[in-house]
């Protein structure tokens, strides 16, 4: 009987515990000089996903392409993407090289371009020229010794992230910020684990004479 109750608890716990710890922010707030040139009201330009991976947070910044690409202009302090962090130093940031022929790197400073508020950290393309770029590849980077909560505190203007984007159809550029998160539906545990648990429960119920 004790084995039966123990297995019930184990399977129940496996079913209710999420298999991931992911938070997603949509890039929606349009600060282009002429907003309509970047996108119509309500446009989702892309998103920022954060995954807690042990003591490291994995970032993926995705643009919806076409027509959106990255830009590197003064309105975003000549950075591709800006964020804040608590208890983090530049050495905690590692950046995947996802853009062929270019070098992406972390940066630290006081970034406050174009009225989107102050940020302390950024991702930049050190080999790119200024202005609209030709790539929309995901920006993938990792922040060690951090939690999602430490990387998502809004700045004084309520902004959590800012990306510099361009509209490849008309050349318009401008900052797009994110301020409101949503959490994806947790990935279910594998059907094999659930099936094994259910079979074990059925077997034990027979052994104990339960209908």
N, C-alpha and C. Protein backbone atom coordinates (compact mmCIF):
# COMPACT_ATOMS: atom_id res chain seq x y z
N UNK A 1 0.82 -1.20 0.00
CA UNK A 1 0.00 0.00 0.00
C UNK A 1 0.87 1.26 0.00
N UNK A 2 1.95 1.22 0.80
CA UNK A 2 2.85 2.37 0.85
C UNK A 2 3.47 2.62 -0.51
N UNK A 3 3.83 1.53 -1.23
CA UNK A 3 4.40 1.69 -2.56
C UNK A 3 3.38 2.33 -3.49
N UNK A 4 2.13 1.91 -3.34
CA UNK A 4 1.07 2.47 -4.19
C UNK A 4 0.92 3.97 -3.96
N UNK A 5 0.87 4.39 -2.71
CA UNK A 5 0.71 5.81 -2.40
C UNK A 5 1.92 6.61 -2.85
N UNK A 6 3.10 6.00 -2.69
CA UNK A 6 4.31 6.70 -3.12
C UNK A 6 4.33 6.93 -4.62
N UNK A 7 3.91 5.93 -5.38
CA UNK A 7 3.89 6.07 -6.84
C UNK A 7 2.84 7.07 -7.28
N UNK A 8 1.69 7.09 -6.59
CA UNK A 8 0.65 8.08 -6.90
C UNK A 8 1.23 9.48 -6.74
N UNK A 9 1.94 9.71 -5.64
CA UNK A 9 2.51 11.04 -5.40
C UNK A 9 3.53 11.40 -6.45
N UNK A 10 4.35 10.42 -6.84
CA UNK A 10 5.40 10.68 -7.83
C UNK A 10 4.80 11.06 -9.18
N UNK A 11 3.81 10.31 -9.64
CA UNK A 11 3.19 10.59 -10.92
C UNK A 11 2.44 11.91 -10.88
N UNK A 12 1.74 12.18 -9.79
CA UNK A 12 1.01 13.44 -9.67
C UNK A 12 1.96 14.62 -9.75
N UNK A 13 3.10 14.52 -9.06
CA UNK A 13 4.08 15.60 -9.10
C UNK A 13 4.63 15.79 -10.50
N UNK A 14 4.87 14.69 -11.21
CA UNK A 14 5.42 14.80 -12.56
C UNK A 14 4.44 15.48 -13.50
N UNK A 15 3.15 15.28 -13.28
CA UNK A 15 2.15 15.85 -14.17
C UNK A 15 2.02 17.35 -13.97
N UNK A 16 2.13 17.84 -12.73
CA UNK A 16 1.84 19.24 -12.47
C UNK A 16 3.08 20.13 -12.52
N UNK A 17 4.28 19.59 -12.47
CA UNK A 17 5.47 20.44 -12.49
C UNK A 17 5.80 20.82 -13.92
N UNK A 18 5.91 22.10 -14.24
CA UNK A 18 6.25 22.51 -15.60
C UNK A 18 7.61 21.98 -16.00
N UNK A 19 7.75 21.66 -17.30
CA UNK A 19 9.02 21.14 -17.79
C UNK A 19 9.94 22.27 -18.23
N UNK A 20 9.48 23.52 -18.23
CA UNK A 20 10.36 24.62 -18.58
C UNK A 20 10.08 25.80 -17.67
N UNK A 21 10.97 26.77 -17.69
CA UNK A 21 10.77 28.03 -16.97
C UNK A 21 11.07 29.13 -17.97
N UNK A 22 10.07 29.49 -18.75
CA UNK A 22 10.25 30.43 -19.85
C UNK A 22 9.29 31.59 -19.71
N UNK A 23 9.79 32.79 -19.99
CA UNK A 23 8.94 33.97 -20.04
C UNK A 23 9.21 34.66 -21.37
N UNK A 24 8.14 35.16 -22.00
CA UNK A 24 8.26 35.81 -23.30
C UNK A 24 7.68 37.22 -23.23
N UNK A 25 8.41 38.18 -23.81
CA UNK A 25 7.94 39.55 -23.95
C UNK A 25 7.79 39.86 -25.43
N UNK A 26 6.64 40.40 -25.83
CA UNK A 26 6.47 40.82 -27.22
C UNK A 26 7.01 42.23 -27.41
N UNK A 27 7.68 42.45 -28.52
CA UNK A 27 8.17 43.78 -28.90
C UNK A 27 7.05 44.48 -29.66
N UNK A 28 6.39 45.43 -28.99
CA UNK A 28 5.19 46.03 -29.58
C UNK A 28 5.15 47.55 -29.53
N UNK A 29 5.88 48.18 -28.61
CA UNK A 29 5.73 49.62 -28.41
C UNK A 29 6.64 50.37 -29.38
N UNK A 30 6.03 51.11 -30.29
CA UNK A 30 6.70 51.66 -31.47
C UNK A 30 7.15 53.10 -31.21
N UNK A 31 8.48 53.32 -31.25
CA UNK A 31 9.02 54.65 -31.05
C UNK A 31 9.69 55.19 -32.31
N UNK A 32 9.31 54.69 -33.48
CA UNK A 32 9.88 55.22 -34.72
C UNK A 32 9.50 56.69 -34.86
N UNK A 33 10.34 57.44 -35.58
CA UNK A 33 10.06 58.87 -35.80
C UNK A 33 8.69 59.07 -36.40
N UNK A 34 8.37 58.29 -37.41
CA UNK A 34 7.02 58.23 -37.98
C UNK A 34 6.52 56.82 -37.73
N UNK A 35 5.80 56.59 -36.63
CA UNK A 35 5.47 55.21 -36.24
C UNK A 35 4.87 54.36 -37.34
N UNK A 36 4.02 54.96 -38.16
CA UNK A 36 3.37 54.16 -39.20
C UNK A 36 4.37 53.59 -40.20
N UNK A 37 5.55 54.23 -40.32
CA UNK A 37 6.55 53.73 -41.25
C UNK A 37 7.15 52.41 -40.77
N UNK A 38 7.15 52.20 -39.46
CA UNK A 38 7.68 50.93 -38.92
C UNK A 38 6.61 49.85 -38.88
N UNK A 39 5.40 50.24 -38.57
CA UNK A 39 4.33 49.25 -38.52
C UNK A 39 3.04 49.85 -38.01
N UNK A 40 1.93 49.28 -38.41
CA UNK A 40 0.62 49.76 -38.00
C UNK A 40 0.42 49.54 -36.50
N UNK A 41 -0.47 50.31 -35.88
CA UNK A 41 -0.76 50.09 -34.46
C UNK A 41 -1.14 48.63 -34.20
N UNK A 42 -0.59 48.09 -33.12
CA UNK A 42 -0.87 46.70 -32.77
C UNK A 42 0.10 45.70 -33.36
N UNK A 43 1.04 46.19 -34.17
CA UNK A 43 2.01 45.28 -34.78
C UNK A 43 2.90 44.63 -33.71
N UNK A 44 3.10 43.34 -33.81
CA UNK A 44 4.09 42.65 -32.98
C UNK A 44 5.34 42.49 -33.84
N UNK A 45 6.39 43.21 -33.49
CA UNK A 45 7.59 43.25 -34.31
C UNK A 45 8.50 42.04 -34.06
N UNK A 46 8.31 41.39 -32.94
CA UNK A 46 9.12 40.24 -32.57
C UNK A 46 8.91 39.94 -31.11
N UNK A 47 9.80 39.18 -30.53
CA UNK A 47 9.67 38.87 -29.11
C UNK A 47 11.03 38.56 -28.49
N UNK A 48 11.02 38.58 -27.17
CA UNK A 48 12.21 38.27 -26.38
C UNK A 48 11.84 37.12 -25.45
N UNK A 49 12.56 35.99 -25.58
CA UNK A 49 12.31 34.82 -24.73
C UNK A 49 13.45 34.67 -23.74
N UNK A 50 13.10 34.41 -22.49
CA UNK A 50 14.08 34.16 -21.45
C UNK A 50 13.82 32.78 -20.87
N UNK A 51 14.85 31.95 -20.83
CA UNK A 51 14.76 30.61 -20.26
C UNK A 51 15.73 30.49 -19.10
N UNK A 52 15.23 30.09 -17.94
CA UNK A 52 16.10 29.84 -16.80
C UNK A 52 16.74 28.48 -16.95
N UNK A 53 18.05 28.46 -17.05
CA UNK A 53 18.81 27.23 -17.27
C UNK A 53 19.82 27.09 -16.14
N UNK A 54 19.38 26.54 -15.02
CA UNK A 54 20.22 26.50 -13.83
C UNK A 54 20.44 27.90 -13.31
N UNK A 55 21.69 28.31 -13.19
CA UNK A 55 22.00 29.66 -12.71
C UNK A 55 22.24 30.63 -13.85
N UNK A 56 21.89 30.22 -15.07
CA UNK A 56 22.08 31.05 -16.25
C UNK A 56 20.72 31.32 -16.91
N UNK A 57 20.56 32.53 -17.43
CA UNK A 57 19.36 32.86 -18.20
C UNK A 57 19.75 32.94 -19.68
N UNK A 58 19.04 32.17 -20.51
CA UNK A 58 19.28 32.16 -21.95
C UNK A 58 18.28 33.10 -22.62
N UNK A 59 18.80 34.05 -23.39
CA UNK A 59 17.97 35.01 -24.13
C UNK A 59 17.90 34.63 -25.60
N UNK A 60 16.73 34.79 -26.19
CA UNK A 60 16.58 34.75 -27.65
C UNK A 60 15.73 35.94 -28.06
N UNK A 61 16.32 36.82 -28.87
CA UNK A 61 15.59 37.98 -29.38
C UNK A 61 15.26 37.68 -30.84
N UNK A 62 13.98 37.65 -31.14
CA UNK A 62 13.51 37.25 -32.47
C UNK A 62 12.73 38.39 -33.12
N UNK A 63 13.03 38.68 -34.39
CA UNK A 63 12.25 39.65 -35.15
C UNK A 63 11.37 38.91 -36.15
N UNK A 64 10.17 39.44 -36.36
CA UNK A 64 9.26 38.86 -37.33
C UNK A 64 9.67 39.36 -38.72
N UNK A 65 10.25 38.48 -39.50
CA UNK A 65 10.79 38.85 -40.80
C UNK A 65 10.14 37.99 -41.88
N UNK A 66 9.74 38.57 -43.04
CA UNK A 66 9.84 40.00 -43.35
C UNK A 66 8.73 40.80 -42.69
N UNK A 67 8.91 42.13 -42.63
CA UNK A 67 9.98 42.94 -43.23
C UNK A 67 11.02 43.44 -42.23
N UNK A 68 11.02 42.92 -40.99
CA UNK A 68 11.83 43.58 -39.97
C UNK A 68 13.24 43.02 -39.89
N UNK A 69 14.18 43.93 -39.78
CA UNK A 69 15.60 43.62 -39.61
C UNK A 69 16.12 44.47 -38.47
N UNK A 70 17.35 44.22 -38.07
CA UNK A 70 17.94 45.03 -37.00
C UNK A 70 18.47 46.34 -37.56
N UNK A 71 18.59 47.31 -36.68
CA UNK A 71 19.24 48.57 -36.99
C UNK A 71 20.21 48.88 -35.85
N UNK A 72 21.13 49.78 -36.11
CA UNK A 72 22.08 50.20 -35.08
C UNK A 72 22.26 51.71 -35.25
N UNK A 73 21.39 52.44 -34.54
CA UNK A 73 21.31 53.89 -34.71
C UNK A 73 21.44 54.60 -33.37
N UNK A 74 21.60 55.91 -33.43
CA UNK A 74 21.73 56.70 -32.21
C UNK A 74 20.51 56.65 -31.32
N UNK A 75 19.35 56.33 -31.88
CA UNK A 75 18.13 56.28 -31.05
C UNK A 75 18.16 55.14 -30.05
N UNK A 76 19.03 54.14 -30.29
CA UNK A 76 19.21 53.05 -29.34
C UNK A 76 20.71 52.97 -28.96
N UNK A 77 21.35 54.14 -28.96
CA UNK A 77 22.74 54.24 -28.52
C UNK A 77 23.68 53.38 -29.35
N UNK A 78 23.34 53.19 -30.63
CA UNK A 78 24.12 52.37 -31.55
C UNK A 78 24.29 50.93 -31.04
N UNK A 79 23.22 50.42 -30.45
CA UNK A 79 23.14 49.05 -29.97
C UNK A 79 21.97 48.35 -30.67
N UNK A 80 22.05 47.03 -30.78
CA UNK A 80 20.96 46.27 -31.36
C UNK A 80 19.83 46.04 -30.36
N UNK A 81 20.21 45.85 -29.08
CA UNK A 81 19.25 45.43 -28.06
C UNK A 81 19.76 45.88 -26.70
N UNK A 82 18.84 46.36 -25.85
CA UNK A 82 19.23 46.86 -24.53
C UNK A 82 18.40 46.19 -23.44
N UNK A 83 19.02 46.00 -22.28
CA UNK A 83 18.33 45.39 -21.15
C UNK A 83 19.00 45.85 -19.85
N UNK A 84 18.35 45.57 -18.74
CA UNK A 84 18.92 45.85 -17.42
C UNK A 84 19.14 44.56 -16.67
N UNK A 85 19.96 44.63 -15.65
CA UNK A 85 20.27 43.44 -14.85
C UNK A 85 20.71 43.87 -13.47
N UNK A 86 20.42 43.02 -12.50
CA UNK A 86 20.83 43.24 -11.13
C UNK A 86 21.91 42.24 -10.76
N UNK A 87 23.04 42.73 -10.23
CA UNK A 87 24.10 41.84 -9.78
C UNK A 87 24.84 41.15 -10.90
N UNK A 88 24.87 41.75 -12.08
CA UNK A 88 25.52 41.17 -13.26
C UNK A 88 26.66 42.06 -13.71
N UNK A 89 27.74 41.45 -14.19
CA UNK A 89 28.85 42.19 -14.78
C UNK A 89 29.00 41.75 -16.24
N UNK A 90 29.77 42.54 -17.00
CA UNK A 90 29.91 42.25 -18.43
C UNK A 90 30.43 40.84 -18.68
N UNK A 91 31.33 40.37 -17.81
CA UNK A 91 31.90 39.04 -17.99
C UNK A 91 30.90 37.91 -17.84
N UNK A 92 29.72 38.20 -17.29
CA UNK A 92 28.68 37.18 -17.16
C UNK A 92 27.94 36.94 -18.48
N UNK A 93 28.15 37.80 -19.47
CA UNK A 93 27.39 37.74 -20.71
C UNK A 93 28.21 37.08 -21.81
N UNK A 94 27.67 36.04 -22.40
CA UNK A 94 28.28 35.41 -23.57
C UNK A 94 27.27 35.46 -24.72
N UNK A 95 27.76 35.73 -25.91
CA UNK A 95 26.89 35.95 -27.06
C UNK A 95 27.20 34.93 -28.15
N UNK A 96 26.16 34.26 -28.65
CA UNK A 96 26.34 33.36 -29.78
C UNK A 96 26.54 34.17 -31.06
N UNK A 97 27.43 33.69 -31.92
CA UNK A 97 27.70 34.38 -33.18
C UNK A 97 26.73 33.87 -34.24
N UNK A 98 25.56 34.47 -34.29
CA UNK A 98 24.48 33.99 -35.16
C UNK A 98 24.42 34.72 -36.50
N UNK A 99 25.27 35.73 -36.70
CA UNK A 99 25.24 36.50 -37.94
C UNK A 99 26.56 36.28 -38.67
N UNK A 100 26.51 35.59 -39.78
CA UNK A 100 27.73 35.27 -40.52
C UNK A 100 28.45 36.54 -40.95
N UNK A 101 29.77 36.57 -40.72
CA UNK A 101 30.58 37.69 -41.15
C UNK A 101 30.57 38.88 -40.22
N UNK A 102 29.81 38.82 -39.13
CA UNK A 102 29.75 39.93 -38.18
C UNK A 102 30.09 39.42 -36.78
N UNK A 103 30.43 40.35 -35.90
CA UNK A 103 30.77 40.00 -34.52
C UNK A 103 29.78 40.66 -33.57
N UNK A 104 29.11 39.85 -32.78
CA UNK A 104 28.16 40.34 -31.78
C UNK A 104 28.82 40.26 -30.41
N UNK A 105 28.53 41.23 -29.56
CA UNK A 105 29.18 41.28 -28.25
C UNK A 105 28.28 41.98 -27.24
N UNK A 106 28.51 41.67 -25.97
CA UNK A 106 27.83 42.39 -24.91
C UNK A 106 28.48 43.74 -24.69
N UNK A 107 27.73 44.65 -24.09
CA UNK A 107 28.24 45.98 -23.78
C UNK A 107 27.63 46.45 -22.47
N UNK A 108 28.35 47.30 -21.76
CA UNK A 108 27.87 47.87 -20.51
C UNK A 108 28.06 49.38 -20.56
N UNK A 109 27.12 50.11 -19.99
CA UNK A 109 27.21 51.57 -20.00
C UNK A 109 25.94 52.18 -19.46
N UNK A 110 25.77 53.46 -19.74
CA UNK A 110 24.52 54.16 -19.41
C UNK A 110 23.86 54.52 -20.73
N UNK A 111 22.89 53.73 -21.11
CA UNK A 111 22.24 53.87 -22.41
C UNK A 111 20.84 54.44 -22.21
N UNK A 112 20.55 55.56 -22.81
CA UNK A 112 19.24 56.20 -22.60
C UNK A 112 18.75 56.91 -23.86
N UNK A 113 19.05 56.37 -25.02
CA UNK A 113 18.66 57.01 -26.27
C UNK A 113 17.17 57.06 -26.51
N UNK A 114 16.73 58.17 -27.09
CA UNK A 114 15.39 58.35 -27.66
C UNK A 114 14.25 58.21 -26.65
N UNK A 115 14.51 58.52 -25.41
CA UNK A 115 13.41 58.61 -24.45
C UNK A 115 12.78 57.31 -24.04
N UNK A 116 13.47 56.18 -24.21
CA UNK A 116 12.90 54.90 -23.77
C UNK A 116 13.38 54.52 -22.37
N UNK A 117 14.11 55.40 -21.72
CA UNK A 117 14.59 55.12 -20.37
C UNK A 117 16.02 54.62 -20.37
N UNK A 118 16.55 54.48 -19.18
CA UNK A 118 17.96 54.12 -19.01
C UNK A 118 18.14 52.61 -18.92
N UNK A 119 19.16 52.13 -19.61
CA UNK A 119 19.54 50.72 -19.57
C UNK A 119 21.04 50.62 -19.29
N UNK A 120 21.44 49.53 -18.63
CA UNK A 120 22.84 49.36 -18.26
C UNK A 120 23.60 48.37 -19.12
N UNK A 121 22.88 47.54 -19.90
CA UNK A 121 23.53 46.50 -20.69
C UNK A 121 22.94 46.47 -22.10
N UNK A 122 23.73 45.92 -23.03
CA UNK A 122 23.27 45.89 -24.41
C UNK A 122 24.00 44.80 -25.18
N UNK A 123 23.44 44.49 -26.34
CA UNK A 123 24.10 43.63 -27.32
C UNK A 123 24.35 44.50 -28.56
N UNK A 124 25.57 44.47 -29.04
CA UNK A 124 25.91 45.29 -30.20
C UNK A 124 26.61 44.44 -31.26
N UNK A 125 26.62 44.98 -32.47
CA UNK A 125 27.40 44.39 -33.56
C UNK A 125 28.63 45.27 -33.71
N UNK A 126 29.77 44.76 -33.31
CA UNK A 126 30.98 45.58 -33.31
C UNK A 126 31.58 45.78 -34.70
N UNK A 127 31.14 44.99 -35.65
CA UNK A 127 31.68 45.08 -37.01
C UNK A 127 30.69 45.69 -38.00
N UNK A 128 29.50 46.04 -37.54
CA UNK A 128 28.47 46.60 -38.42
C UNK A 128 28.64 48.11 -38.55
N UNK A 129 28.23 48.62 -39.68
CA UNK A 129 28.12 50.06 -39.81
C UNK A 129 26.86 50.54 -39.11
N UNK A 130 26.73 51.85 -38.99
CA UNK A 130 25.54 52.42 -38.37
C UNK A 130 24.37 52.44 -39.36
N UNK A 131 23.17 52.40 -38.82
CA UNK A 131 21.98 52.45 -39.65
C UNK A 131 21.29 51.10 -39.75
N UNK A 132 20.37 51.01 -40.72
CA UNK A 132 19.62 49.77 -40.90
C UNK A 132 20.56 48.67 -41.38
N UNK A 133 20.36 47.46 -40.85
CA UNK A 133 21.19 46.32 -41.21
C UNK A 133 20.43 45.42 -42.20
N UNK A 134 21.09 44.38 -42.64
CA UNK A 134 20.46 43.47 -43.61
C UNK A 134 20.06 42.14 -42.98
N UNK A 135 20.27 41.99 -41.68
CA UNK A 135 20.00 40.70 -41.06
C UNK A 135 18.89 40.79 -40.03
N UNK A 136 18.22 39.66 -39.87
CA UNK A 136 17.17 39.54 -38.85
C UNK A 136 17.38 38.30 -38.00
N UNK A 137 18.60 37.76 -38.05
CA UNK A 137 18.90 36.55 -37.29
C UNK A 137 18.59 36.74 -35.82
N UNK A 138 18.19 35.65 -35.17
CA UNK A 138 17.97 35.74 -33.73
C UNK A 138 19.24 36.18 -33.01
N UNK A 139 19.08 37.06 -32.04
CA UNK A 139 20.17 37.36 -31.12
C UNK A 139 20.06 36.37 -29.97
N UNK A 140 21.09 35.59 -29.76
CA UNK A 140 21.09 34.57 -28.71
C UNK A 140 22.27 34.86 -27.78
N UNK A 141 21.95 35.08 -26.51
CA UNK A 141 23.02 35.31 -25.55
C UNK A 141 22.62 34.76 -24.19
N UNK A 142 23.58 34.69 -23.29
CA UNK A 142 23.41 34.02 -22.01
C UNK A 142 23.98 34.89 -20.90
N UNK A 143 23.24 34.97 -19.81
CA UNK A 143 23.68 35.77 -18.66
C UNK A 143 23.84 34.83 -17.47
N UNK A 144 25.09 34.65 -17.05
CA UNK A 144 25.38 33.74 -15.94
C UNK A 144 25.10 34.42 -14.61
N UNK A 145 24.92 33.59 -13.58
CA UNK A 145 24.72 34.07 -12.20
C UNK A 145 23.55 35.04 -12.12
N UNK A 146 22.45 34.67 -12.75
CA UNK A 146 21.30 35.56 -12.80
C UNK A 146 20.01 34.76 -12.83
N UNK A 147 18.93 35.43 -12.50
CA UNK A 147 17.59 34.85 -12.61
C UNK A 147 16.76 35.72 -13.56
N UNK A 148 15.67 35.15 -14.06
CA UNK A 148 14.78 35.92 -14.93
C UNK A 148 14.28 37.17 -14.21
N UNK A 149 13.97 37.04 -12.92
CA UNK A 149 13.46 38.18 -12.17
C UNK A 149 14.48 39.32 -12.13
N UNK A 150 15.76 38.97 -12.05
CA UNK A 150 16.81 40.00 -11.99
C UNK A 150 17.06 40.68 -13.33
N UNK A 151 16.51 40.10 -14.39
CA UNK A 151 16.74 40.64 -15.73
C UNK A 151 15.49 41.27 -16.34
N UNK A 152 14.43 41.36 -15.56
CA UNK A 152 13.16 41.86 -16.12
C UNK A 152 12.53 42.95 -15.27
N UNK A 153 13.33 43.65 -14.50
CA UNK A 153 12.81 44.78 -13.71
C UNK A 153 12.63 45.97 -14.65
N UNK A 154 11.44 46.55 -14.76
CA UNK A 154 11.24 47.69 -15.66
C UNK A 154 12.09 48.89 -15.24
N UNK A 155 12.52 49.69 -16.22
CA UNK A 155 13.22 50.92 -15.87
C UNK A 155 12.21 51.98 -15.44
N UNK A 156 12.68 53.19 -15.21
CA UNK A 156 11.82 54.24 -14.66
C UNK A 156 10.64 54.58 -15.57
N UNK A 157 10.74 54.25 -16.85
CA UNK A 157 9.65 54.52 -17.79
C UNK A 157 8.80 53.29 -18.04
N UNK A 158 9.07 52.21 -17.31
CA UNK A 158 8.27 51.00 -17.44
C UNK A 158 8.69 50.07 -18.54
N UNK A 159 9.84 50.33 -19.18
CA UNK A 159 10.32 49.48 -20.27
C UNK A 159 11.30 48.43 -19.74
N UNK A 160 11.16 47.22 -20.24
CA UNK A 160 12.02 46.12 -19.81
C UNK A 160 13.13 45.87 -20.82
N UNK A 161 12.79 45.92 -22.11
CA UNK A 161 13.77 45.71 -23.19
C UNK A 161 13.51 46.72 -24.30
N UNK A 162 14.56 46.99 -25.07
CA UNK A 162 14.42 47.81 -26.28
C UNK A 162 15.28 47.20 -27.39
N UNK A 163 14.71 47.09 -28.57
CA UNK A 163 15.45 46.65 -29.75
C UNK A 163 15.42 47.76 -30.79
N UNK A 164 16.50 47.90 -31.55
CA UNK A 164 16.55 48.84 -32.66
C UNK A 164 16.22 48.06 -33.92
N UNK A 165 15.12 48.42 -34.56
CA UNK A 165 14.67 47.65 -35.72
C UNK A 165 14.54 48.55 -36.94
N UNK A 166 14.54 47.91 -38.10
CA UNK A 166 14.30 48.62 -39.34
C UNK A 166 13.25 47.91 -40.16
N UNK A 167 12.53 48.68 -40.95
CA UNK A 167 11.56 48.13 -41.89
C UNK A 167 12.27 48.03 -43.24
N UNK A 168 12.55 46.81 -43.69
CA UNK A 168 13.33 46.62 -44.91
C UNK A 168 12.59 47.07 -46.17
N UNK A 169 11.28 47.32 -46.07
CA UNK A 169 10.51 47.74 -47.23
C UNK A 169 10.66 49.23 -47.51
N UNK A 170 10.85 50.03 -46.44
CA UNK A 170 10.91 51.48 -46.65
C UNK A 170 12.10 52.15 -45.97
N UNK A 171 12.93 51.38 -45.26
CA UNK A 171 14.13 51.95 -44.65
C UNK A 171 13.90 52.65 -43.32
N UNK A 172 12.67 52.65 -42.81
CA UNK A 172 12.41 53.30 -41.53
C UNK A 172 13.08 52.53 -40.39
N UNK A 173 13.54 53.26 -39.37
CA UNK A 173 14.15 52.63 -38.21
C UNK A 173 13.62 53.28 -36.94
N UNK A 174 13.80 52.59 -35.82
CA UNK A 174 13.41 53.16 -34.54
C UNK A 174 13.40 52.14 -33.43
N UNK A 175 13.36 52.61 -32.18
CA UNK A 175 13.31 51.70 -31.04
C UNK A 175 11.93 51.07 -30.89
N UNK A 176 11.91 49.80 -30.53
CA UNK A 176 10.69 49.09 -30.18
C UNK A 176 10.90 48.50 -28.80
N UNK A 177 9.99 48.80 -27.87
CA UNK A 177 10.23 48.29 -26.52
C UNK A 177 9.23 47.21 -26.14
N UNK A 178 9.57 46.52 -25.07
CA UNK A 178 8.71 45.48 -24.50
C UNK A 178 8.54 45.76 -23.03
N UNK A 179 7.32 45.62 -22.55
CA UNK A 179 7.08 45.92 -21.14
C UNK A 179 6.19 44.91 -20.43
N UNK A 180 5.44 44.09 -21.17
CA UNK A 180 4.49 43.17 -20.53
C UNK A 180 4.81 41.74 -20.93
N UNK A 181 5.04 40.86 -19.94
CA UNK A 181 5.38 39.48 -20.27
C UNK A 181 4.15 38.59 -20.39
N UNK A 182 4.33 37.50 -21.06
CA UNK A 182 3.36 36.42 -20.98
C UNK A 182 4.14 35.12 -20.90
N UNK A 183 3.59 34.15 -20.21
CA UNK A 183 4.27 32.88 -20.00
C UNK A 183 3.65 31.82 -20.89
N UNK A 184 4.45 31.15 -21.74
CA UNK A 184 3.89 30.10 -22.58
C UNK A 184 3.32 28.97 -21.75
N UNK A 185 2.41 28.21 -22.36
CA UNK A 185 1.90 27.01 -21.70
C UNK A 185 3.07 26.06 -21.50
N UNK A 186 3.30 25.58 -20.27
CA UNK A 186 4.44 24.68 -20.04
C UNK A 186 4.38 23.46 -20.93
N UNK A 187 5.56 23.06 -21.40
CA UNK A 187 5.63 21.85 -22.21
C UNK A 187 5.24 20.65 -21.36
N UNK A 188 4.38 19.77 -21.87
CA UNK A 188 4.01 18.58 -21.07
C UNK A 188 5.18 17.64 -20.93
N UNK A 189 5.16 16.85 -19.87
CA UNK A 189 6.17 15.82 -19.75
C UNK A 189 5.94 14.79 -20.82
N UNK A 190 6.92 13.96 -21.10
CA UNK A 190 6.82 13.03 -22.22
C UNK A 190 5.68 12.05 -21.99
N UNK A 191 5.04 11.69 -23.10
CA UNK A 191 3.93 10.74 -22.99
C UNK A 191 4.41 9.40 -22.46
N UNK A 192 5.68 9.07 -22.72
CA UNK A 192 6.20 7.80 -22.22
C UNK A 192 6.21 7.76 -20.72
N UNK A 193 6.60 8.88 -20.09
CA UNK A 193 6.62 8.92 -18.63
C UNK A 193 5.22 8.80 -18.06
N UNK A 194 4.30 9.56 -18.67
CA UNK A 194 2.91 9.49 -18.18
C UNK A 194 2.37 8.08 -18.36
N UNK A 195 2.60 7.49 -19.56
CA UNK A 195 2.09 6.16 -19.81
C UNK A 195 2.65 5.14 -18.86
N UNK A 196 3.95 5.23 -18.58
CA UNK A 196 4.57 4.29 -17.65
C UNK A 196 3.96 4.42 -16.26
N UNK A 197 3.74 5.68 -15.85
CA UNK A 197 3.15 5.90 -14.53
C UNK A 197 1.76 5.34 -14.43
N UNK A 198 0.97 5.54 -15.50
CA UNK A 198 -0.41 5.05 -15.46
C UNK A 198 -0.46 3.53 -15.45
N UNK A 199 0.44 2.89 -16.21
CA UNK A 199 0.48 1.43 -16.20
C UNK A 199 0.87 0.91 -14.82
N UNK A 200 1.84 1.59 -14.21
CA UNK A 200 2.26 1.16 -12.88
C UNK A 200 1.12 1.31 -11.88
N UNK A 201 0.37 2.42 -12.00
CA UNK A 201 -0.76 2.61 -11.10
C UNK A 201 -1.80 1.51 -11.29
N UNK A 202 -2.08 1.17 -12.56
CA UNK A 202 -3.07 0.12 -12.81
C UNK A 202 -2.61 -1.20 -12.22
N UNK A 203 -1.32 -1.50 -12.36
CA UNK A 203 -0.79 -2.76 -11.83
C UNK A 203 -0.92 -2.80 -10.30
N UNK A 204 -0.56 -1.73 -9.66
CA UNK A 204 -0.62 -1.71 -8.20
C UNK A 204 -2.05 -1.75 -7.70
N UNK A 205 -2.95 -1.10 -8.44
CA UNK A 205 -4.36 -1.15 -8.03
C UNK A 205 -4.87 -2.59 -8.06
N UNK A 206 -4.43 -3.36 -9.07
CA UNK A 206 -4.84 -4.77 -9.14
C UNK A 206 -4.24 -5.55 -7.98
N UNK A 207 -2.95 -5.25 -7.67
CA UNK A 207 -2.29 -5.98 -6.61
C UNK A 207 -2.95 -5.74 -5.26
N UNK A 208 -3.48 -4.50 -5.07
CA UNK A 208 -4.09 -4.18 -3.81
C UNK A 208 -5.59 -4.47 -3.80
N UNK A 209 -6.09 -4.95 -4.94
CA UNK A 209 -7.50 -5.32 -5.00
C UNK A 209 -8.43 -4.16 -5.14
N UNK A 210 -7.89 -2.96 -5.58
CA UNK A 210 -8.75 -1.79 -5.73
C UNK A 210 -9.37 -1.80 -7.12
N UNK A 211 -10.66 -1.43 -7.21
CA UNK A 211 -11.36 -1.40 -8.49
C UNK A 211 -11.02 -0.13 -9.23
